[in-house]
Amino acid sequence: MSDLRKKAMTRLVLCAVALVASIIFSVLLLTGNLDGQTGSGDATPATGDTTSAAAGVDDPTADSFPAEATGDTAAPPAEEQPAAEPEPTPEPTPVPTFDGLSVQPAVIYNEGEQPSYTVTPDNNLNMRAGPGTDYDKVSKVPASTVVTALGANEDGSWVVVNYDGKYGWLKAEFLS
C-alpha cells in the first residue's frame, strides 16, 4: 500500500472515530446521562467520593433546604412557618351545546368576541343543521339580516348562529 493511501486511510479512520464519539456524546447529552453521575439513579459522584457539598440535604435540587444544611440559623423550624393555603381547583367551564344541530362547531367564540355578520342583500340564506348543503334546513334568514356568529367549523367556511330562537349553520361566503 502506498504512503499516500495509508495517510488517507488513517484520516478516514480518525474521522469515523470522531463521528461516532460525537454521536455518543449527543445521545448522552440528550438523554440526560451526561450529568457527572455514575449509573442510573446512583447518587454518588463519579469520583467515588460519598460526601456531598450539601451535607444533610436529602434533595440537592430542592428549592428549600433545612436551616442546618444551609447554615441559616434565623429561619424558624418548619412547624412554626404558616401553612400555605392550597389553591382552589377552578371549575371547568362547560362547553355549550347548540340544540337542534347535527354537528357541533369545532370553534366556539367567547362572549364579547363573537363576530357579527350581515346576510348579503340579494340572498335569503338557508340555515342548516350542519356545515354543508346536504344537512337539513332548519330555517331561512332574510337578506340584509344581521346575525352573530357563536361558533364555526375548522376552516371557518361555515358559522353557527341563533336566529329566531333556533341554532343553525350559515355559509360564511354569503355573509359580510
C-alpha atoms as a PDB file:
ATOM      1  CA  MET A   1       0.000   0.000   0.000  1.00  0.00           C
ATOM      2  CA  SER A   2       1.387   3.411  -0.896  1.00  0.00           C
ATOM      3  CA  ASP A   3       2.233   6.044   1.677  1.00  0.00           C
ATOM      4  CA  LEU A   4      -0.469   8.360   0.346  1.00  0.00           C
ATOM      5  CA  ARG A   5      -3.131   5.670   0.723  1.00  0.00           C
ATOM      6  CA  LYS A   6      -2.022   4.927   4.304  1.00  0.00           C
ATOM      7  CA  LYS A   7      -2.363   8.599   5.240  1.00  0.00           C
ATOM      8  CA  ALA A   8      -5.801   8.805   3.602  1.00  0.00           C
ATOM      9  CA  MET A   9      -6.944   5.632   5.357  1.00  0.00           C
ATOM     10  CA  THR A  10      -5.665   6.964   8.713  1.00  0.00           C
ATOM     11  CA  ARG A  11      -7.564  10.229   8.211  1.00  0.00           C
ATOM     12  CA  LEU A  12     -10.688   8.330   7.254  1.00  0.00           C
ATOM     13  CA  VAL A  13     -10.494   6.175  10.391  1.00  0.00           C
ATOM     14  CA  LEU A  14      -9.915   9.247  12.599  1.00  0.00           C
ATOM     15  CA  CYS A  15     -12.923  10.988  11.062  1.00  0.00           C
ATOM     16  CA  ALA A  16     -15.080   7.901  11.626  1.00  0.00           C
ATOM     17  CA  VAL A  17     -13.976   7.704  15.287  1.00  0.00           C
ATOM     18  CA  ALA A  18     -14.696  11.425  15.759  1.00  0.00           C
ATOM     19  CA  LEU A  19     -18.146  10.985  14.195  1.00  0.00           C
ATOM     20  CA  VAL A  20     -19.005   8.023  16.427  1.00  0.00           C
ATOM     21  CA  ALA A  21     -17.765   9.916  19.507  1.00  0.00           C
ATOM     22  CA  SER A  22     -19.898  12.932  18.553  1.00  0.00           C
ATOM     23  CA  ILE A  23     -22.982  10.765  18.141  1.00  0.00           C
ATOM     24  CA  ILE A  24     -22.431   9.056  21.501  1.00  0.00           C
ATOM     25  CA  PHE A  25     -21.855  12.410  23.220  1.00  0.00           C
ATOM     26  CA  SER A  26     -25.040  13.834  21.650  1.00  0.00           C
ATOM     27  CA  VAL A  27     -27.127  10.843  22.732  1.00  0.00           C
ATOM     28  CA  LEU A  28     -25.770  11.039  26.288  1.00  0.00           C
ATOM     29  CA  LEU A  29     -26.418  14.763  26.395  1.00  0.00           C
ATOM     30  CA  LEU A  30     -29.976  14.437  25.079  1.00  0.00           C
ATOM     31  CA  THR A  31     -30.914  11.578  27.418  1.00  0.00           C
ATOM     32  CA  GLY A  32     -29.550  13.386  30.463  1.00  0.00           C
ATOM     33  CA  ASN A  33     -26.930  10.761  31.251  1.00  0.00           C
ATOM     34  CA  LEU A  34     -24.111  13.263  30.973  1.00  0.00           C
ATOM     35  CA  ASP A  35     -24.591  14.802  34.427  1.00  0.00           C
ATOM     36  CA  GLY A  36     -21.467  13.684  36.241  1.00  0.00           C
ATOM     37  CA  GLN A  37     -23.251  10.832  37.991  1.00  0.00           C
ATOM     38  CA  THR A  38     -22.484   7.147  37.586  1.00  0.00           C
ATOM     39  CA  GLY A  39     -25.136   4.587  36.812  1.00  0.00           C
ATOM     40  CA  SER A  40     -28.849   5.248  36.615  1.00  0.00           C
ATOM     41  CA  GLY A  41     -30.270   6.693  39.798  1.00  0.00           C
ATOM     42  CA  ASP A  42     -26.996   6.284  41.746  1.00  0.00           C
ATOM     43  CA  ALA A  43     -26.449   9.437  43.803  1.00  0.00           C
ATOM     44  CA  THR A  44     -22.712   9.019  44.392  1.00  0.00           C
ATOM     45  CA  PRO A  45     -20.483  11.333  42.361  1.00  0.00           C
ATOM     46  CA  ALA A  46     -18.399   9.869  39.553  1.00  0.00           C
ATOM     47  CA  THR A  47     -15.233  10.417  41.579  1.00  0.00           C
ATOM     48  CA  GLY A  48     -16.283   7.781  44.098  1.00  0.00           C
ATOM     49  CA  ASP A  49     -16.455  10.386  46.883  1.00  0.00           C
ATOM     50  CA  THR A  50     -19.506   9.741  49.025  1.00  0.00           C
ATOM     51  CA  THR A  51     -19.559  13.146  50.730  1.00  0.00           C
ATOM     52  CA  SER A  52     -21.844  15.768  49.308  1.00  0.00           C
ATOM     53  CA  ALA A  53     -21.351  19.510  49.070  1.00  0.00           C
ATOM     54  CA  ALA A  54     -24.753  19.966  50.692  1.00  0.00           C
ATOM     55  CA  ALA A  55     -24.465  17.508  53.575  1.00  0.00           C
ATOM     56  CA  GLY A  56     -27.750  16.939  55.374  1.00  0.00           C
ATOM     57  CA  VAL A  57     -29.848  17.820  52.340  1.00  0.00           C
ATOM     58  CA  ASP A  58     -31.929  14.957  51.005  1.00  0.00           C
ATOM     59  CA  ASP A  59     -32.579  16.506  47.601  1.00  0.00           C
ATOM     60  CA  PRO A  60     -29.901  18.888  46.309  1.00  0.00           C
ATOM     61  CA  THR A  61     -32.296  20.042  43.552  1.00  0.00           C
ATOM     62  CA  ALA A  62     -34.974  21.128  46.028  1.00  0.00           C
ATOM     63  CA  ASP A  63     -35.948  24.791  46.278  1.00  0.00           C
ATOM     64  CA  SER A  64     -35.855  24.898  50.078  1.00  0.00           C
ATOM     65  CA  PHE A  65     -33.253  23.439  52.417  1.00  0.00           C
ATOM     66  CA  PRO A  66     -33.268  22.817  56.171  1.00  0.00           C
ATOM     67  CA  ALA A  67     -31.652  25.609  58.195  1.00  0.00           C
ATOM     68  CA  GLU A  68     -28.777  23.386  59.391  1.00  0.00           C
ATOM     69  CA  ALA A  69     -27.880  22.433  55.809  1.00  0.00           C
ATOM     70  CA  THR A  70     -27.657  25.994  54.534  1.00  0.00           C
ATOM     71  CA  GLY A  71     -26.048  27.468  57.639  1.00  0.00           C
ATOM     72  CA  ASP A  72     -29.015  29.842  58.095  1.00  0.00           C
ATOM     73  CA  THR A  73     -29.929  29.827  61.774  1.00  0.00           C
ATOM     74  CA  ALA A  74     -32.521  32.626  61.559  1.00  0.00           C
ATOM     75  CA  ALA A  75     -35.132  30.522  59.766  1.00  0.00           C
ATOM     76  CA  PRO A  76     -37.822  29.145  62.074  1.00  0.00           C
ATOM     77  CA  PRO A  77     -38.450  25.390  62.141  1.00  0.00           C
ATOM     78  CA  ALA A  78     -40.995  24.057  59.666  1.00  0.00           C
ATOM     79  CA  GLU A  79     -43.720  23.647  62.319  1.00  0.00           C
ATOM     80  CA  GLU A  80     -43.649  27.404  63.107  1.00  0.00           C
ATOM     81  CA  GLN A  81     -43.993  28.507  59.478  1.00  0.00           C
ATOM     82  CA  PRO A  82     -47.549  29.239  58.377  1.00  0.00           C
ATOM     83  CA  ALA A  83     -49.000  26.587  56.104  1.00  0.00           C
ATOM     84  CA  ALA A  84     -49.728  27.776  52.605  1.00  0.00           C
ATOM     85  CA  GLU A  85     -53.367  27.541  51.629  1.00  0.00           C
ATOM     86  CA  PRO A  86     -53.924  25.262  48.665  1.00  0.00           C
ATOM     87  CA  GLU A  87     -55.215  26.974  45.548  1.00  0.00           C
ATOM     88  CA  PRO A  88     -58.817  26.060  44.801  1.00  0.00           C
ATOM     89  CA  THR A  89     -59.259  23.929  41.723  1.00  0.00           C
ATOM     90  CA  PRO A  90     -61.060  26.005  39.104  1.00  0.00           C
ATOM     91  CA  GLU A  91     -64.326  24.606  37.886  1.00  0.00           C
ATOM     92  CA  PRO A  92     -64.141  23.628  34.223  1.00  0.00           C
ATOM     93  CA  THR A  93     -66.238  25.859  32.035  1.00  0.00           C
ATOM     94  CA  PRO A  94     -68.902  23.794  30.363  1.00  0.00           C
ATOM     95  CA  VAL A  95     -68.729  23.629  26.594  1.00  0.00           C
ATOM     96  CA  PRO A  96     -72.017  24.921  25.232  1.00  0.00           C
ATOM     97  CA  THR A  97     -74.053  22.658  23.034  1.00  0.00           C
ATOM     98  CA  PHE A  98     -76.336  24.046  20.417  1.00  0.00           C
ATOM     99  CA  ASP A  99     -79.647  22.165  20.439  1.00  0.00           C
ATOM    100  CA  GLY A 100     -81.008  21.072  17.095  1.00  0.00           C
ATOM    101  CA  LEU A 101     -77.666  20.878  15.286  1.00  0.00           C
ATOM    102  CA  SER A 102     -76.464  17.655  13.703  1.00  0.00           C
ATOM    103  CA  VAL A 103     -72.841  18.831  14.011  1.00  0.00           C
ATOM    104  CA  GLN A 104     -71.493  20.932  16.870  1.00  0.00           C
ATOM    105  CA  PRO A 105     -68.995  23.701  15.966  1.00  0.00           C
ATOM    106  CA  ALA A 106     -65.261  22.996  16.245  1.00  0.00           C
ATOM    107  CA  VAL A 107     -64.595  26.604  17.298  1.00  0.00           C
ATOM    108  CA  ILE A 108     -66.804  28.336  19.865  1.00  0.00           C
ATOM    109  CA  TYR A 109     -66.462  32.096  20.218  1.00  0.00           C
ATOM    110  CA  ASN A 110     -66.343  33.573  23.730  1.00  0.00           C
ATOM    111  CA  GLU A 111     -68.984  36.096  24.698  1.00  0.00           C
ATOM    112  CA  GLY A 112     -67.811  39.542  23.667  1.00  0.00           C
ATOM    113  CA  GLU A 113     -65.593  38.088  20.932  1.00  0.00           C
ATOM    114  CA  GLN A 114     -68.420  36.899  18.713  1.00  0.00           C
ATOM    115  CA  PRO A 115     -68.258  38.466  15.249  1.00  0.00           C
ATOM    116  CA  SER A 116     -71.359  39.994  13.682  1.00  0.00           C
ATOM    117  CA  TYR A 117     -72.215  39.416  10.045  1.00  0.00           C
ATOM    118  CA  THR A 118     -74.815  40.715   7.638  1.00  0.00           C
ATOM    119  CA  VAL A 119     -76.528  38.375   5.201  1.00  0.00           C
ATOM    120  CA  THR A 120     -75.828  39.557   1.649  1.00  0.00           C
ATOM    121  CA  PRO A 121     -78.584  41.879   0.396  1.00  0.00           C
ATOM    122  CA  ASP A 122     -79.505  39.777  -2.623  1.00  0.00           C
ATOM    123  CA  ASN A 123     -79.937  36.368  -0.895  1.00  0.00           C
ATOM    124  CA  ASN A 124     -82.135  34.739   1.694  1.00  0.00           C
ATOM    125  CA  LEU A 125     -79.961  32.092   3.342  1.00  0.00           C
ATOM    126  CA  ASN A 126     -80.981  28.611   4.397  1.00  0.00           C
ATOM    127  CA  MET A 127     -79.896  27.838   7.941  1.00  0.00           C
ATOM    128  CA  ARG A 128     -78.765  24.204   8.090  1.00  0.00           C
ATOM    129  CA  ALA A 129     -78.363  21.568  10.826  1.00  0.00           C
ATOM    130  CA  GLY A 130     -74.721  21.044   9.837  1.00  0.00           C
ATOM    131  CA  PRO A 131     -71.930  22.701   7.877  1.00  0.00           C
ATOM    132  CA  GLY A 132     -72.955  21.668   4.381  1.00  0.00           C
ATOM    133  CA  THR A 133     -75.814  21.782   1.906  1.00  0.00           C
ATOM    134  CA  ASP A 134     -76.511  18.081   2.440  1.00  0.00           C
ATOM    135  CA  TYR A 135     -77.813  18.790   6.004  1.00  0.00           C
ATOM    136  CA  ASP A 136     -81.483  19.524   6.726  1.00  0.00           C
ATOM    137  CA  LYS A 137     -82.802  23.089   6.520  1.00  0.00           C
ATOM    138  CA  VAL A 138     -83.587  24.499   9.964  1.00  0.00           C
ATOM    139  CA  SER A 139     -84.853  27.934   8.969  1.00  0.00           C
ATOM    140  CA  LYS A 140     -84.384  30.814   6.493  1.00  0.00           C
ATOM    141  CA  VAL A 141     -82.544  34.045   7.284  1.00  0.00           C
ATOM    142  CA  PRO A 142     -83.791  37.007   5.229  1.00  0.00           C
ATOM    143  CA  ALA A 143     -81.405  39.119   3.129  1.00  0.00           C
ATOM    144  CA  SER A 144     -79.600  42.009   4.936  1.00  0.00           C
ATOM    145  CA  THR A 145     -80.248  40.476   8.385  1.00  0.00           C
ATOM    146  CA  VAL A 146     -77.509  40.990  10.990  1.00  0.00           C
ATOM    147  CA  VAL A 147     -76.501  37.761  12.772  1.00  0.00           C
ATOM    148  CA  THR A 148     -73.917  36.991  15.453  1.00  0.00           C
ATOM    149  CA  ALA A 149     -71.615  34.014  14.963  1.00  0.00           C
ATOM    150  CA  LEU A 150     -71.482  31.738  18.011  1.00  0.00           C
ATOM    151  CA  GLY A 151     -69.045  29.229  16.527  1.00  0.00           C
ATOM    152  CA  ALA A 152     -67.525  27.918  13.318  1.00  0.00           C
ATOM    153  CA  ASN A 153     -66.211  24.781  11.661  1.00  0.00           C
ATOM    154  CA  GLU A 154     -62.453  24.048  11.478  1.00  0.00           C
ATOM    155  CA  ASP A 155     -61.734  26.166   8.415  1.00  0.00           C
ATOM    156  CA  GLY A 156     -64.269  28.942   9.166  1.00  0.00           C
ATOM    157  CA  SER A 157     -66.251  28.369   5.974  1.00  0.00           C
ATOM    158  CA  TRP A 158     -69.492  27.830   7.956  1.00  0.00           C
ATOM    159  CA  VAL A 159     -70.644  29.627  11.125  1.00  0.00           C
ATOM    160  CA  VAL A 160     -73.245  28.788  13.772  1.00  0.00           C
ATOM    161  CA  VAL A 161     -75.841  31.469  14.523  1.00  0.00           C
ATOM    162  CA  ASN A 162     -79.017  31.763  16.568  1.00  0.00           C
ATOM    163  CA  TYR A 163     -81.820  33.234  14.520  1.00  0.00           C
ATOM    164  CA  ASP A 164     -85.475  33.366  15.550  1.00  0.00           C
ATOM    165  CA  GLY A 165     -84.730  31.125  18.569  1.00  0.00           C
ATOM    166  CA  LYS A 166     -83.112  28.372  16.501  1.00  0.00           C
ATOM    167  CA  TYR A 167     -79.472  27.406  16.052  1.00  0.00           C
ATOM    168  CA  GLY A 168     -78.178  26.742  12.564  1.00  0.00           C
ATOM    169  CA  TRP A 169     -75.216  26.857  10.203  1.00  0.00           C
ATOM    170  CA  LEU A 170     -74.736  29.577   7.567  1.00  0.00           C
ATOM    171  CA  LYS A 171     -72.194  29.570   4.715  1.00  0.00           C
ATOM    172  CA  ALA A 172     -69.660  32.319   5.542  1.00  0.00           C
ATOM    173  CA  GLU A 173     -69.157  33.341   1.905  1.00  0.00           C
ATOM    174  CA  PHE A 174     -72.725  34.754   1.864  1.00  0.00           C
ATOM    175  CA  LEU A 175     -72.083  36.893   4.941  1.00  0.00           C
ATOM    176  CA  SER A 176     -70.314  40.226   5.068  1.00  0.00           C
END
